[in-house]
Amino acid sequence: MDTISFWCFFTAGILPIICAGISKSKKNYDNENPRKWLAIQTGFRERANSAQQNSWESFIWFSASLTLALIFSLDNIDFVNLMSVLYIFLRVFYVLFYIFGFSNLRTISWLCAHGCVFGILFSALN
């Protein structure tokens, strides 16, 4: 596997875990019943938990697309790497926009990141 792709894959996989840590970063966090505790959170903790859930959903598409591209389109590895790095950049901003409540910017970064995923996926056709 190309090292750029590997690190993008790793970063995309760790991003939801970082979001989970942010959402649970309170002294009175209930580790015995974390889902119930998270369900009553508001503000940035609630948004960080939502960003975590969306990050897992996006990771599935990204990892599947990246795997297919690396199997079927090694001729396009520079394009795949570019789209992968751009995807990570956009997803980091997505999380930040989500946590800080910038919903319009969050939506734009989500759309652009998924455009990168589809670019990676369709590069496997070449």
N, C-alpha and C. Protein backbone atom coordinates (compact mmCIF):
# COMPACT_ATOMS: atom_id res chain seq x y z
N MET A 1 0.85 -1.18 0.00
CA MET A 1 0.00 0.00 0.00
C MET A 1 0.89 1.24 0.00
N ASP A 2 0.50 2.21 -0.72
CA ASP A 2 1.20 3.49 -0.76
C ASP A 2 1.16 4.13 0.63
N THR A 3 2.25 4.75 1.06
CA THR A 3 2.29 5.28 2.43
C THR A 3 1.34 6.46 2.63
N ILE A 4 1.15 7.29 1.61
CA ILE A 4 0.19 8.40 1.75
C ILE A 4 -1.20 7.83 1.97
N SER A 5 -1.57 6.85 1.19
CA SER A 5 -2.89 6.22 1.35
C SER A 5 -3.02 5.57 2.72
N PHE A 6 -1.94 4.92 3.17
CA PHE A 6 -1.98 4.29 4.49
C PHE A 6 -2.26 5.31 5.58
N TRP A 7 -1.53 6.42 5.57
CA TRP A 7 -1.71 7.43 6.62
C TRP A 7 -3.06 8.12 6.53
N CYS A 8 -3.58 8.27 5.34
CA CYS A 8 -4.94 8.82 5.19
C CYS A 8 -5.97 7.85 5.74
N PHE A 9 -5.78 6.57 5.44
CA PHE A 9 -6.67 5.53 5.98
C PHE A 9 -6.62 5.54 7.50
N PHE A 10 -5.42 5.58 8.06
CA PHE A 10 -5.24 5.60 9.51
C PHE A 10 -5.91 6.83 10.13
N THR A 11 -5.68 7.99 9.53
CA THR A 11 -6.25 9.23 10.05
C THR A 11 -7.77 9.21 10.00
N ALA A 12 -8.32 8.72 8.90
CA ALA A 12 -9.78 8.63 8.78
C ALA A 12 -10.35 7.68 9.83
N GLY A 13 -9.62 6.64 10.17
CA GLY A 13 -10.09 5.69 11.18
C GLY A 13 -9.96 6.21 12.60
N ILE A 14 -9.00 7.08 12.85
CA ILE A 14 -8.79 7.60 14.20
C ILE A 14 -9.66 8.83 14.48
N LEU A 15 -10.11 9.51 13.43
CA LEU A 15 -10.90 10.72 13.60
C LEU A 15 -12.18 10.51 14.43
N PRO A 16 -12.95 9.43 14.19
CA PRO A 16 -14.13 9.23 15.04
C PRO A 16 -13.77 8.96 16.51
N ILE A 17 -12.63 8.36 16.74
CA ILE A 17 -12.20 8.08 18.11
C ILE A 17 -11.86 9.39 18.83
N ILE A 18 -11.25 10.31 18.10
CA ILE A 18 -10.96 11.63 18.66
C ILE A 18 -12.27 12.35 19.00
N CYS A 19 -13.24 12.26 18.09
CA CYS A 19 -14.55 12.88 18.34
C CYS A 19 -15.20 12.28 19.58
N ALA A 20 -15.08 10.97 19.75
CA ALA A 20 -15.65 10.31 20.93
C ALA A 20 -15.00 10.83 22.19
N GLY A 21 -13.69 11.01 22.15
CA GLY A 21 -12.99 11.56 23.32
C GLY A 21 -13.46 12.96 23.66
N ILE A 22 -13.68 13.77 22.64
CA ILE A 22 -14.17 15.13 22.88
C ILE A 22 -15.57 15.09 23.48
N SER A 23 -16.42 14.23 22.95
CA SER A 23 -17.80 14.17 23.43
C SER A 23 -17.89 13.66 24.87
N LYS A 24 -16.90 12.92 25.32
CA LYS A 24 -16.92 12.34 26.67
C LYS A 24 -15.98 13.06 27.63
N SER A 25 -15.52 14.22 27.26
CA SER A 25 -14.53 14.94 28.07
C SER A 25 -15.18 15.80 29.15
N LYS A 26 -15.77 15.15 30.10
CA LYS A 26 -16.38 15.86 31.21
C LYS A 26 -16.12 15.05 32.48
N LYS A 27 -15.90 15.72 33.58
CA LYS A 27 -15.55 15.02 34.82
C LYS A 27 -16.63 14.04 35.27
N ASN A 28 -17.88 14.36 35.05
CA ASN A 28 -18.94 13.47 35.52
C ASN A 28 -19.40 12.46 34.47
N TYR A 29 -18.52 12.15 33.51
CA TYR A 29 -18.83 11.16 32.48
C TYR A 29 -19.19 9.83 33.14
N ASP A 30 -20.28 9.22 32.70
CA ASP A 30 -20.76 7.96 33.27
C ASP A 30 -20.26 6.80 32.42
N ASN A 31 -19.17 6.20 32.82
CA ASN A 31 -18.58 5.10 32.07
C ASN A 31 -19.38 3.81 32.22
N GLU A 32 -20.25 3.73 33.22
CA GLU A 32 -21.10 2.55 33.39
C GLU A 32 -22.26 2.55 32.41
N ASN A 33 -22.72 3.72 32.02
CA ASN A 33 -23.83 3.83 31.08
C ASN A 33 -23.55 4.99 30.12
N PRO A 34 -22.55 4.83 29.25
CA PRO A 34 -22.12 5.96 28.41
C PRO A 34 -23.15 6.42 27.40
N ARG A 35 -23.92 5.51 26.83
CA ARG A 35 -24.90 5.93 25.82
C ARG A 35 -26.02 6.76 26.43
N LYS A 36 -26.46 6.37 27.62
CA LYS A 36 -27.49 7.14 28.30
C LYS A 36 -26.95 8.53 28.65
N TRP A 37 -25.70 8.57 29.12
CA TRP A 37 -25.08 9.85 29.47
C TRP A 37 -24.94 10.74 28.24
N LEU A 38 -24.49 10.16 27.13
CA LEU A 38 -24.32 10.95 25.91
C LEU A 38 -25.66 11.45 25.37
N ALA A 39 -26.72 10.68 25.58
CA ALA A 39 -28.04 11.06 25.06
C ALA A 39 -28.57 12.33 25.71
N ILE A 40 -28.09 12.67 26.89
CA ILE A 40 -28.59 13.87 27.57
C ILE A 40 -27.63 15.06 27.46
N GLN A 41 -26.55 14.88 26.72
CA GLN A 41 -25.58 15.97 26.56
C GLN A 41 -26.10 17.00 25.56
N THR A 42 -25.64 18.22 25.73
CA THR A 42 -26.01 19.31 24.82
C THR A 42 -24.74 20.03 24.39
N GLY A 43 -24.90 20.97 23.49
CA GLY A 43 -23.79 21.81 23.07
C GLY A 43 -22.73 21.04 22.31
N PHE A 44 -21.47 21.41 22.57
CA PHE A 44 -20.38 20.84 21.77
C PHE A 44 -20.22 19.34 22.00
N ARG A 45 -20.56 18.84 23.19
CA ARG A 45 -20.45 17.39 23.43
C ARG A 45 -21.45 16.61 22.57
N GLU A 46 -22.65 17.11 22.48
CA GLU A 46 -23.66 16.48 21.63
C GLU A 46 -23.22 16.53 20.16
N ARG A 47 -22.70 17.68 19.74
CA ARG A 47 -22.25 17.81 18.35
C ARG A 47 -21.02 16.95 18.08
N ALA A 48 -20.12 16.82 19.05
CA ALA A 48 -18.94 15.96 18.87
C ALA A 48 -19.36 14.50 18.73
N ASN A 49 -20.38 14.10 19.48
CA ASN A 49 -20.88 12.73 19.36
C ASN A 49 -21.52 12.51 17.98
N SER A 50 -22.25 13.50 17.50
CA SER A 50 -22.83 13.40 16.16
C SER A 50 -21.73 13.37 15.10
N ALA A 51 -20.68 14.15 15.29
CA ALA A 51 -19.55 14.13 14.36
C ALA A 51 -18.87 12.77 14.36
N GLN A 52 -18.80 12.16 15.54
CA GLN A 52 -18.24 10.81 15.64
C GLN A 52 -19.06 9.82 14.80
N GLN A 53 -20.37 9.85 14.97
CA GLN A 53 -21.23 8.92 14.23
C GLN A 53 -21.10 9.13 12.73
N ASN A 54 -21.09 10.39 12.30
CA ASN A 54 -20.95 10.66 10.88
C ASN A 54 -19.57 10.26 10.37
N SER A 55 -18.57 10.41 11.19
CA SER A 55 -17.21 10.03 10.78
C SER A 55 -17.09 8.54 10.54
N TRP A 56 -17.77 7.72 11.37
CA TRP A 56 -17.77 6.27 11.12
C TRP A 56 -18.48 5.97 9.80
N GLU A 57 -19.60 6.64 9.56
CA GLU A 57 -20.34 6.41 8.31
C GLU A 57 -19.48 6.78 7.10
N SER A 58 -18.80 7.89 7.17
CA SER A 58 -17.96 8.33 6.07
C SER A 58 -16.74 7.44 5.89
N PHE A 59 -16.21 6.94 7.00
CA PHE A 59 -15.03 6.07 6.95
C PHE A 59 -15.31 4.81 6.14
N ILE A 60 -16.50 4.29 6.23
CA ILE A 60 -16.86 3.08 5.47
C ILE A 60 -16.72 3.34 3.98
N TRP A 61 -17.28 4.44 3.51
CA TRP A 61 -17.19 4.78 2.09
C TRP A 61 -15.74 5.05 1.67
N PHE A 62 -15.03 5.80 2.50
CA PHE A 62 -13.65 6.13 2.17
C PHE A 62 -12.77 4.88 2.11
N SER A 63 -12.87 4.04 3.11
CA SER A 63 -12.00 2.86 3.15
C SER A 63 -12.32 1.89 2.02
N ALA A 64 -13.59 1.71 1.71
CA ALA A 64 -13.96 0.83 0.59
C ALA A 64 -13.47 1.40 -0.74
N SER A 65 -13.66 2.69 -0.93
CA SER A 65 -13.21 3.33 -2.18
C SER A 65 -11.70 3.29 -2.32
N LEU A 66 -11.01 3.56 -1.23
CA LEU A 66 -9.55 3.54 -1.26
C LEU A 66 -9.03 2.13 -1.56
N THR A 67 -9.64 1.14 -0.95
CA THR A 67 -9.23 -0.25 -1.19
C THR A 67 -9.42 -0.62 -2.66
N LEU A 68 -10.58 -0.31 -3.21
CA LEU A 68 -10.84 -0.62 -4.61
C LEU A 68 -9.88 0.13 -5.53
N ALA A 69 -9.63 1.39 -5.23
CA ALA A 69 -8.71 2.17 -6.07
C ALA A 69 -7.30 1.61 -6.02
N LEU A 70 -6.86 1.19 -4.85
CA LEU A 70 -5.51 0.64 -4.73
C LEU A 70 -5.38 -0.72 -5.40
N ILE A 71 -6.48 -1.44 -5.49
CA ILE A 71 -6.46 -2.74 -6.17
C ILE A 71 -6.50 -2.56 -7.69
N PHE A 72 -7.38 -1.66 -8.14
CA PHE A 72 -7.68 -1.59 -9.57
C PHE A 72 -7.08 -0.40 -10.32
N SER A 73 -6.53 0.59 -9.63
CA SER A 73 -6.07 1.77 -10.38
C SER A 73 -4.72 2.29 -9.89
N LEU A 74 -3.75 1.43 -9.83
CA LEU A 74 -2.42 1.88 -9.41
C LEU A 74 -1.81 2.86 -10.39
N ASP A 75 -2.32 2.90 -11.61
CA ASP A 75 -1.85 3.89 -12.58
C ASP A 75 -2.26 5.30 -12.17
N ASN A 76 -3.31 5.42 -11.38
CA ASN A 76 -3.82 6.72 -10.94
C ASN A 76 -3.46 7.02 -9.49
N ILE A 77 -2.36 6.47 -8.99
CA ILE A 77 -2.04 6.60 -7.57
C ILE A 77 -1.86 8.05 -7.13
N ASP A 78 -1.33 8.89 -8.00
CA ASP A 78 -1.16 10.30 -7.63
C ASP A 78 -2.51 10.98 -7.43
N PHE A 79 -3.46 10.67 -8.29
CA PHE A 79 -4.82 11.21 -8.14
C PHE A 79 -5.47 10.68 -6.87
N VAL A 80 -5.32 9.39 -6.62
CA VAL A 80 -5.89 8.77 -5.42
C VAL A 80 -5.29 9.40 -4.17
N ASN A 81 -3.98 9.60 -4.17
CA ASN A 81 -3.33 10.24 -3.02
C ASN A 81 -3.82 11.67 -2.81
N LEU A 82 -3.95 12.42 -3.90
CA LEU A 82 -4.44 13.79 -3.80
C LEU A 82 -5.85 13.82 -3.22
N MET A 83 -6.72 12.97 -3.73
CA MET A 83 -8.10 12.93 -3.24
C MET A 83 -8.15 12.45 -1.79
N SER A 84 -7.27 11.55 -1.42
CA SER A 84 -7.24 11.05 -0.04
C SER A 84 -6.81 12.14 0.93
N VAL A 85 -5.77 12.87 0.58
CA VAL A 85 -5.30 13.96 1.44
C VAL A 85 -6.36 15.05 1.53
N LEU A 86 -6.97 15.39 0.42
CA LEU A 86 -8.03 16.39 0.41
C LEU A 86 -9.21 15.93 1.25
N TYR A 87 -9.56 14.66 1.15
CA TYR A 87 -10.64 14.09 1.96
C TYR A 87 -10.35 14.28 3.45
N ILE A 88 -9.14 13.94 3.88
CA ILE A 88 -8.78 14.08 5.29
C ILE A 88 -8.85 15.54 5.72
N PHE A 89 -8.31 16.41 4.92
CA PHE A 89 -8.35 17.84 5.21
C PHE A 89 -9.80 18.31 5.40
N LEU A 90 -10.67 17.92 4.48
CA LEU A 90 -12.07 18.33 4.54
C LEU A 90 -12.80 17.70 5.73
N ARG A 91 -12.47 16.46 6.05
CA ARG A 91 -13.11 15.80 7.19
C ARG A 91 -12.67 16.41 8.52
N VAL A 92 -11.43 16.81 8.63
CA VAL A 92 -10.98 17.49 9.86
C VAL A 92 -11.75 18.80 10.02
N PHE A 93 -11.88 19.54 8.94
CA PHE A 93 -12.66 20.77 9.01
C PHE A 93 -14.14 20.48 9.27
N TYR A 94 -14.65 19.41 8.70
CA TYR A 94 -16.04 19.00 8.97
C TYR A 94 -16.26 18.84 10.47
N VAL A 95 -15.36 18.11 11.12
CA VAL A 95 -15.48 17.87 12.56
C VAL A 95 -15.41 19.20 13.33
N LEU A 96 -14.47 20.04 12.98
CA LEU A 96 -14.35 21.33 13.65
C LEU A 96 -15.60 22.19 13.44
N PHE A 97 -16.08 22.23 12.20
CA PHE A 97 -17.30 22.99 11.91
C PHE A 97 -18.48 22.43 12.69
N TYR A 98 -18.56 21.12 12.81
CA TYR A 98 -19.66 20.48 13.54
C TYR A 98 -19.59 20.84 15.02
N ILE A 99 -18.42 20.67 15.62
CA ILE A 99 -18.27 20.91 17.05
C ILE A 99 -18.55 22.37 17.40
N PHE A 100 -18.10 23.29 16.55
CA PHE A 100 -18.28 24.71 16.84
C PHE A 100 -19.59 25.28 16.29
N GLY A 101 -20.41 24.45 15.67
CA GLY A 101 -21.75 24.85 15.27
C GLY A 101 -21.87 25.65 13.99
N PHE A 102 -20.92 25.49 13.07
CA PHE A 102 -21.00 26.17 11.77
C PHE A 102 -21.64 25.23 10.76
N SER A 103 -22.96 25.16 10.79
CA SER A 103 -23.68 24.13 10.02
C SER A 103 -23.53 24.28 8.51
N ASN A 104 -23.54 25.50 7.99
CA ASN A 104 -23.41 25.67 6.53
C ASN A 104 -22.04 25.24 6.03
N LEU A 105 -20.99 25.64 6.75
CA LEU A 105 -19.64 25.23 6.38
C LEU A 105 -19.47 23.73 6.54
N ARG A 106 -20.10 23.18 7.56
CA ARG A 106 -20.06 21.73 7.78
C ARG A 106 -20.65 21.00 6.58
N THR A 107 -21.77 21.47 6.09
CA THR A 107 -22.41 20.83 4.94
C THR A 107 -21.53 20.92 3.69
N ILE A 108 -20.92 22.06 3.47
CA ILE A 108 -20.04 22.22 2.31
C ILE A 108 -18.85 21.27 2.40
N SER A 109 -18.24 21.19 3.58
CA SER A 109 -17.09 20.29 3.72
C SER A 109 -17.51 18.83 3.58
N TRP A 110 -18.71 18.49 4.05
CA TRP A 110 -19.23 17.13 3.89
C TRP A 110 -19.39 16.79 2.41
N LEU A 111 -20.01 17.70 1.66
CA LEU A 111 -20.22 17.47 0.23
C LEU A 111 -18.89 17.33 -0.52
N CYS A 112 -17.97 18.21 -0.23
CA CYS A 112 -16.67 18.15 -0.91
C CYS A 112 -15.90 16.88 -0.55
N ALA A 113 -15.94 16.49 0.71
CA ALA A 113 -15.25 15.25 1.13
C ALA A 113 -15.84 14.04 0.42
N HIS A 114 -17.15 14.01 0.29
CA HIS A 114 -17.76 12.88 -0.40
C HIS A 114 -17.51 12.94 -1.91
N GLY A 115 -17.32 14.12 -2.44
CA GLY A 115 -16.87 14.24 -3.83
C GLY A 115 -15.51 13.59 -4.01
N CYS A 116 -14.64 13.78 -3.03
CA CYS A 116 -13.32 13.13 -3.07
C CYS A 116 -13.46 11.61 -3.02
N VAL A 117 -14.36 11.13 -2.17
CA VAL A 117 -14.58 9.68 -2.07
C VAL A 117 -15.05 9.12 -3.40
N PHE A 118 -15.99 9.80 -4.03
CA PHE A 118 -16.48 9.31 -5.32
C PHE A 118 -15.41 9.43 -6.40
N GLY A 119 -14.56 10.45 -6.31
CA GLY A 119 -13.43 10.55 -7.23
C GLY A 119 -12.49 9.36 -7.08
N ILE A 120 -12.21 8.98 -5.84
CA ILE A 120 -11.37 7.81 -5.57
C ILE A 120 -12.04 6.55 -6.10
N LEU A 121 -13.33 6.42 -5.81
CA LEU A 121 -14.07 5.22 -6.23
C LEU A 121 -14.07 5.09 -7.75
N PHE A 122 -14.39 6.17 -8.45
CA PHE A 122 -14.48 6.08 -9.90
C PHE A 122 -13.11 6.00 -10.58
N SER A 123 -12.06 6.36 -9.86
CA SER A 123 -10.72 6.17 -10.42
C SER A 123 -10.40 4.68 -10.57
N ALA A 124 -11.08 3.85 -9.81
CA ALA A 124 -10.88 2.40 -9.90
C ALA A 124 -11.39 1.85 -11.23
N LEU A 125 -12.23 2.60 -11.92
CA LEU A 125 -12.78 2.14 -13.20
C LEU A 125 -11.77 2.29 -14.34
N ASN A 126 -10.78 3.13 -14.17
CA ASN A 126 -9.80 3.37 -15.24
C ASN A 126 -8.74 2.30 -15.27
